[in-house]
Amino acid sequence: MNALAVRRLCKRYGPGCDSCFTSPPVDSNRCIDCGSIVALRNVSFDLPAGELVGIMGESGSGKSTLLRCLFFDDVPDDGSAVFRDGDVTCDLFTLNRAEARKLKNRSFSIVHQNPRLGLNFRTTAGGNVAERVLTAGHRNYRGIRATATRLLRRTRVPTDRIDELPGNFSGGMQQRVQIAKALSVHPAILFLDEVTSGLDLSVQAQILDLIQELHQQLRLSILLVTHDIGVVKLLASQTMIMQHGTIVESGLTDQILEDPQHPYTQELVGAAL
């Protein structure tokens, strides 16, 4: 079963015209007729339940826009994204605002590249986890603190620092708090947006090891955006390569990295060798 089935997703920024999503890209994601930026052009893929799927591409390829649309932070111009979890089946882009907010709060979580986008720096590490739990509708305060303590311990944040502000933490520790916060509602889908970018190599390795461990233990459905081949090689069972707002190649990660077919994928793999 697929946790998410995305079909012909389109997003543009600009005036728009009939050619934006029909004309093939020519060395950029700018429409040749009207000049609009075509961030997503007929993007289709599946996220199987319990799998970790990677999305790779250079800056401007559309991978972050894709995450923003799926996480309700941006509105696509066309396409569908069918979400399935148990008895729940819905197209994300047909929900009204209240329905979308409820689904986002209870079923989706995201870990941002910049911790300041995912954490409230005015409240404590434990308070950040508690805020997320409260948003999902839980009101047992003693239970919420116990949940925060358990999740911080699980993500390797010293529990004696539960009442410290995130600003006192290192970048790697802030990412761990973000992950604890994201896991607090037992999300059906976890979105990871360049979670190791800007961290020291040793800290990157620790965060990747933590993600791999949590994925194996919890069988989360994860969509991972990265520009790092090493990250998808370690974590992703399947990988999509994006360029100019389109998916130019997709399949099993090992197959793509060992025998890339598209010239752009060959370029990415060659540059990493």
Protein backbone atom coordinates (compact mmCIF):
# COMPACT_ATOMS: atom_id res chain seq x y z
CA MET A 1 0.00 0.00 0.00
CA ASN A 2 1.15 3.54 -0.71
CA ALA A 3 1.09 6.09 2.07
CA LEU A 4 1.07 8.76 -0.63
CA ALA A 5 0.34 8.66 -4.35
CA VAL A 6 1.18 11.90 -6.16
CA ARG A 7 0.00 12.40 -9.74
CA ARG A 8 0.80 15.19 -12.23
CA LEU A 9 1.57 17.78 -9.57
CA CYS A 10 2.17 21.26 -11.01
CA LYS A 11 3.26 24.54 -9.45
CA ARG A 12 4.39 27.78 -11.07
CA TYR A 13 5.28 31.27 -9.92
CA GLY A 14 4.39 34.06 -12.33
CA PRO A 15 1.61 35.09 -14.71
CA GLY A 16 1.30 31.64 -16.27
CA CYS A 17 0.17 30.53 -19.71
CA ASP A 18 -1.02 27.42 -21.53
CA SER A 19 2.56 26.36 -22.28
CA CYS A 20 3.86 26.32 -18.69
CA PHE A 21 3.09 22.67 -17.99
CA THR A 22 3.00 21.32 -21.54
CA SER A 23 6.21 22.55 -23.12
CA PRO A 24 9.33 20.57 -22.10
CA PRO A 25 11.94 22.51 -20.10
CA VAL A 26 14.85 23.94 -22.07
CA ASP A 27 17.92 24.19 -19.81
CA SER A 28 15.93 25.87 -17.02
CA ASN A 29 12.59 25.81 -15.23
CA ARG A 30 11.47 29.09 -16.82
CA CYS A 31 8.54 28.95 -19.25
CA ILE A 32 9.81 29.92 -22.70
CA ASP A 33 6.53 31.69 -23.55
CA CYS A 34 5.57 33.74 -20.48
CA GLY A 35 8.69 33.66 -18.31
CA SER A 36 6.97 32.07 -15.29
CA ILE A 37 9.07 29.85 -13.02
CA VAL A 38 7.72 26.32 -13.33
CA ALA A 39 8.73 24.80 -9.99
CA LEU A 40 6.84 21.52 -10.54
CA ARG A 41 5.88 20.12 -13.92
CA ASN A 42 3.64 17.02 -13.91
CA VAL A 43 5.41 15.35 -10.98
CA SER A 44 4.18 11.81 -10.22
CA PHE A 45 5.49 9.27 -7.71
CA ASP A 46 4.49 6.88 -4.91
CA LEU A 47 5.64 6.77 -1.30
CA PRO A 48 5.11 3.16 -0.17
CA ALA A 49 3.98 2.74 3.43
CA GLY A 50 6.95 2.19 5.73
CA GLU A 51 9.54 3.12 3.10
CA LEU A 52 12.05 5.95 2.90
CA VAL A 53 12.13 7.62 -0.51
CA GLY A 54 14.82 10.13 -1.38
CA ILE A 55 14.53 13.17 -3.65
CA MET A 56 17.75 14.56 -5.09
CA GLY A 57 18.43 17.57 -7.24
CA GLU A 58 20.31 20.84 -7.42
CA SER A 59 19.03 24.09 -5.97
CA GLY A 60 15.98 25.20 -7.97
CA SER A 61 15.09 21.68 -9.13
CA GLY A 62 11.71 21.82 -7.36
CA LYS A 63 12.33 19.36 -4.53
CA SER A 64 11.67 21.83 -1.71
CA THR A 65 8.58 23.20 -3.48
CA LEU A 66 7.30 19.64 -3.67
CA LEU A 67 7.65 19.26 0.09
CA ARG A 68 5.97 22.61 0.74
CA CYS A 69 2.95 21.60 -1.35
CA LEU A 70 2.61 18.22 0.34
CA PHE A 71 2.94 19.81 3.79
CA PHE A 72 0.23 22.40 2.98
CA ASP A 73 2.69 25.30 3.07
CA ASP A 74 2.05 26.06 -0.60
CA VAL A 75 -0.85 25.45 -2.98
CA PRO A 76 -0.24 23.58 -6.26
CA ASP A 77 -1.80 24.71 -9.52
CA ASP A 78 -2.85 21.21 -10.56
CA GLY A 79 -2.50 17.55 -9.69
CA SER A 80 -3.48 15.21 -6.86
CA ALA A 81 -1.86 13.63 -3.81
CA VAL A 82 -3.84 10.73 -2.34
CA PHE A 83 -2.97 9.98 1.30
CA ARG A 84 -3.77 6.62 2.88
CA ASP A 85 -3.46 5.64 6.52
CA GLY A 86 -5.63 2.84 7.86
CA ASP A 87 -9.24 3.69 7.11
CA VAL A 88 -8.36 7.25 6.03
CA THR A 89 -8.07 7.98 2.30
CA CYS A 90 -8.15 11.51 0.92
CA ASP A 91 -6.73 13.79 -1.77
CA LEU A 92 -4.72 16.43 0.08
CA PHE A 93 -5.63 19.16 -2.39
CA THR A 94 -9.41 18.73 -2.09
CA LEU A 95 -9.46 19.34 1.67
CA ASN A 96 -10.72 22.62 3.06
CA ARG A 97 -8.50 24.65 5.40
CA ALA A 98 -9.83 23.11 8.60
CA GLU A 99 -9.50 19.56 7.26
CA ALA A 100 -5.98 20.24 5.97
CA ARG A 101 -4.90 21.74 9.30
CA LYS A 102 -6.28 18.76 11.22
CA LEU A 103 -4.53 16.26 8.96
CA LYS A 104 -1.27 18.20 9.07
CA ASN A 105 -1.33 18.43 12.88
CA ARG A 106 -2.13 14.76 13.47
CA SER A 107 -0.61 12.83 10.58
CA PHE A 108 2.31 14.82 9.11
CA SER A 109 5.57 16.08 10.57
CA ILE A 110 8.57 17.85 9.06
CA VAL A 111 12.19 18.38 10.08
CA HIS A 112 13.66 21.49 8.46
CA GLN A 113 17.23 22.21 7.39
CA ASN A 114 17.15 25.35 9.53
CA PRO A 115 16.08 24.51 13.10
CA ARG A 116 14.65 28.04 13.48
CA LEU A 117 11.90 27.03 11.05
CA GLY A 118 10.96 23.98 13.10
CA LEU A 119 11.59 25.04 16.69
CA ASN A 120 10.27 27.78 18.94
CA PHE A 121 13.45 29.31 20.36
CA ARG A 122 11.46 31.11 23.05
CA THR A 123 10.47 27.91 24.81
CA THR A 124 12.40 24.94 26.15
CA ALA A 125 13.33 21.69 24.42
CA GLY A 126 10.57 19.91 26.31
CA GLY A 127 8.20 22.80 25.63
CA ASN A 128 8.74 22.42 21.89
CA VAL A 129 7.69 18.78 22.02
CA ALA A 130 4.75 19.69 24.26
CA GLU A 131 3.58 22.39 21.81
CA ARG A 132 3.39 19.81 19.03
CA VAL A 133 1.47 17.34 21.19
CA LEU A 134 -0.98 20.05 22.26
CA THR A 135 -1.54 21.02 18.63
CA ALA A 136 -2.63 17.44 17.95
CA GLY A 137 -5.30 17.78 20.64
CA HIS A 138 -3.79 16.10 23.72
CA ARG A 139 -4.40 17.81 27.08
CA ASN A 140 -2.91 15.52 29.77
CA TYR A 141 -0.04 17.75 30.91
CA ARG A 142 1.67 15.16 33.09
CA GLY A 143 1.50 12.69 30.22
CA ILE A 144 2.81 15.31 27.77
CA ARG A 145 5.92 15.94 29.87
CA ALA A 146 6.50 12.21 30.15
CA THR A 147 6.18 11.97 26.35
CA ALA A 148 8.66 14.81 25.88
CA THR A 149 11.15 13.16 28.23
CA ARG A 150 10.82 9.81 26.47
CA LEU A 151 11.24 11.28 22.99
CA LEU A 152 14.20 13.45 23.90
CA ARG A 153 15.87 10.40 25.41
CA ARG A 154 15.08 8.39 22.29
CA THR A 155 16.63 11.05 20.04
CA ARG A 156 19.71 11.20 22.28
CA VAL A 157 19.05 14.57 23.87
CA PRO A 158 20.13 14.49 27.55
CA THR A 159 16.91 14.60 29.54
CA ASP A 160 18.50 16.82 32.19
CA ARG A 161 18.42 19.53 29.49
CA ILE A 162 14.66 19.26 28.92
CA ASP A 163 14.10 22.72 30.42
CA GLU A 164 16.84 24.46 28.43
CA LEU A 165 16.18 26.75 25.47
CA PRO A 166 17.20 25.46 22.00
CA GLY A 167 19.51 28.44 21.62
CA ASN A 168 21.79 26.83 24.20
CA PHE A 169 22.18 23.72 22.05
CA SER A 170 24.55 22.89 19.20
CA GLY A 171 23.20 22.59 15.66
CA GLY A 172 23.18 18.81 15.87
CA MET A 173 21.35 18.87 19.19
CA GLN A 174 18.76 21.28 17.76
CA GLN A 175 18.12 18.83 14.94
CA ARG A 176 17.59 16.06 17.49
CA VAL A 177 15.03 18.21 19.31
CA GLN A 178 13.31 18.85 15.95
CA ILE A 179 13.16 15.10 15.32
CA ALA A 180 11.76 14.47 18.82
CA LYS A 181 9.12 17.14 18.18
CA ALA A 182 8.26 15.61 14.80
CA LEU A 183 7.83 12.12 16.27
CA SER A 184 5.63 13.28 19.15
CA VAL A 185 2.36 12.77 17.25
CA HIS A 186 3.32 9.39 15.72
CA PRO A 187 3.12 10.83 12.18
CA ALA A 188 1.97 8.71 9.28
CA ILE A 189 4.42 10.59 7.03
CA LEU A 190 7.64 12.32 8.03
CA PHE A 191 9.20 14.90 5.71
CA LEU A 192 12.95 15.54 6.03
CA ASP A 193 14.29 18.65 4.30
CA GLU A 194 18.11 18.70 4.03
CA VAL A 195 18.37 17.78 7.71
CA THR A 196 22.17 17.37 7.72
CA SER A 197 23.15 20.39 5.62
CA GLY A 198 25.47 22.79 7.43
CA LEU A 199 26.44 20.30 10.15
CA ASP A 200 29.94 19.03 10.78
CA LEU A 201 30.65 15.64 9.21
CA SER A 202 30.77 13.83 12.54
CA VAL A 203 27.43 15.37 13.57
CA GLN A 204 25.93 14.53 10.16
CA ALA A 205 26.87 10.90 10.72
CA GLN A 206 25.18 10.89 14.13
CA ILE A 207 21.95 12.40 12.77
CA LEU A 208 21.86 9.97 9.83
CA ASP A 209 22.45 7.05 12.17
CA LEU A 210 19.57 8.27 14.34
CA ILE A 211 17.21 8.60 11.35
CA GLN A 212 18.14 5.13 10.11
CA GLU A 213 17.57 3.65 13.56
CA LEU A 214 14.18 5.36 14.01
CA HIS A 215 13.03 4.35 10.53
CA GLN A 216 13.89 0.71 11.12
CA GLN A 217 12.26 0.65 14.56
CA LEU A 218 9.12 2.65 13.82
CA ARG A 219 8.64 1.77 10.10
CA LEU A 220 7.84 5.39 9.30
CA SER A 221 6.92 6.49 5.79
CA ILE A 222 9.56 9.12 5.05
CA LEU A 223 10.11 11.53 2.17
CA LEU A 224 13.69 12.81 2.27
CA VAL A 225 14.94 15.84 0.32
CA THR A 226 18.71 16.10 -0.05
CA HIS A 227 21.47 17.10 -2.45
CA ASP A 228 23.86 14.54 -0.95
CA ILE A 229 24.27 11.20 -2.73
CA GLY A 230 25.80 9.70 0.41
CA VAL A 231 22.59 10.40 2.33
CA VAL A 232 20.28 8.66 -0.14
CA LYS A 233 22.73 5.78 -0.51
CA LEU A 234 22.63 5.20 3.24
CA LEU A 235 18.94 5.79 3.92
CA ALA A 236 16.71 5.57 0.84
CA SER A 237 15.33 2.38 -0.67
CA GLN A 238 14.09 4.36 -3.67
CA THR A 239 15.29 7.65 -5.13
CA MET A 240 13.93 10.29 -7.48
CA ILE A 241 16.17 12.71 -9.38
CA MET A 242 14.68 16.14 -10.09
CA GLN A 243 15.81 18.75 -12.58
CA HIS A 244 13.98 21.90 -13.74
CA GLY A 245 10.80 20.93 -11.89
CA THR A 246 10.52 17.43 -13.35
CA ILE A 247 11.49 13.92 -12.25
CA VAL A 248 14.08 12.84 -14.79
CA GLU A 249 14.84 9.44 -13.27
CA SER A 250 13.46 7.27 -10.45
CA GLY A 251 13.81 3.75 -9.14
CA LEU A 252 15.71 1.63 -6.65
CA THR A 253 18.52 3.67 -5.12
CA ASP A 254 21.25 1.08 -5.77
CA GLN A 255 20.19 0.76 -9.40
CA ILE A 256 20.16 4.51 -9.99
CA LEU A 257 23.53 5.09 -8.35
CA GLU A 258 25.25 2.10 -9.98
CA ASP A 259 23.75 2.47 -13.45
CA PRO A 260 22.32 5.99 -13.97
CA GLN A 261 20.48 6.42 -17.25
CA HIS A 262 19.69 10.12 -17.51
CA PRO A 263 22.59 12.47 -18.38
CA TYR A 264 21.85 14.67 -15.36
CA THR A 265 21.88 11.67 -13.00
CA GLN A 266 25.14 10.54 -14.57
CA GLU A 267 26.55 14.00 -13.91
CA LEU A 268 25.45 13.91 -10.24
CA VAL A 269 26.87 10.45 -9.67
CA GLY A 270 30.09 11.28 -11.51
CA ALA A 271 30.62 14.42 -9.43
CA ALA A 272 30.32 12.39 -6.20
CA LEU A 273 32.98 9.86 -7.21
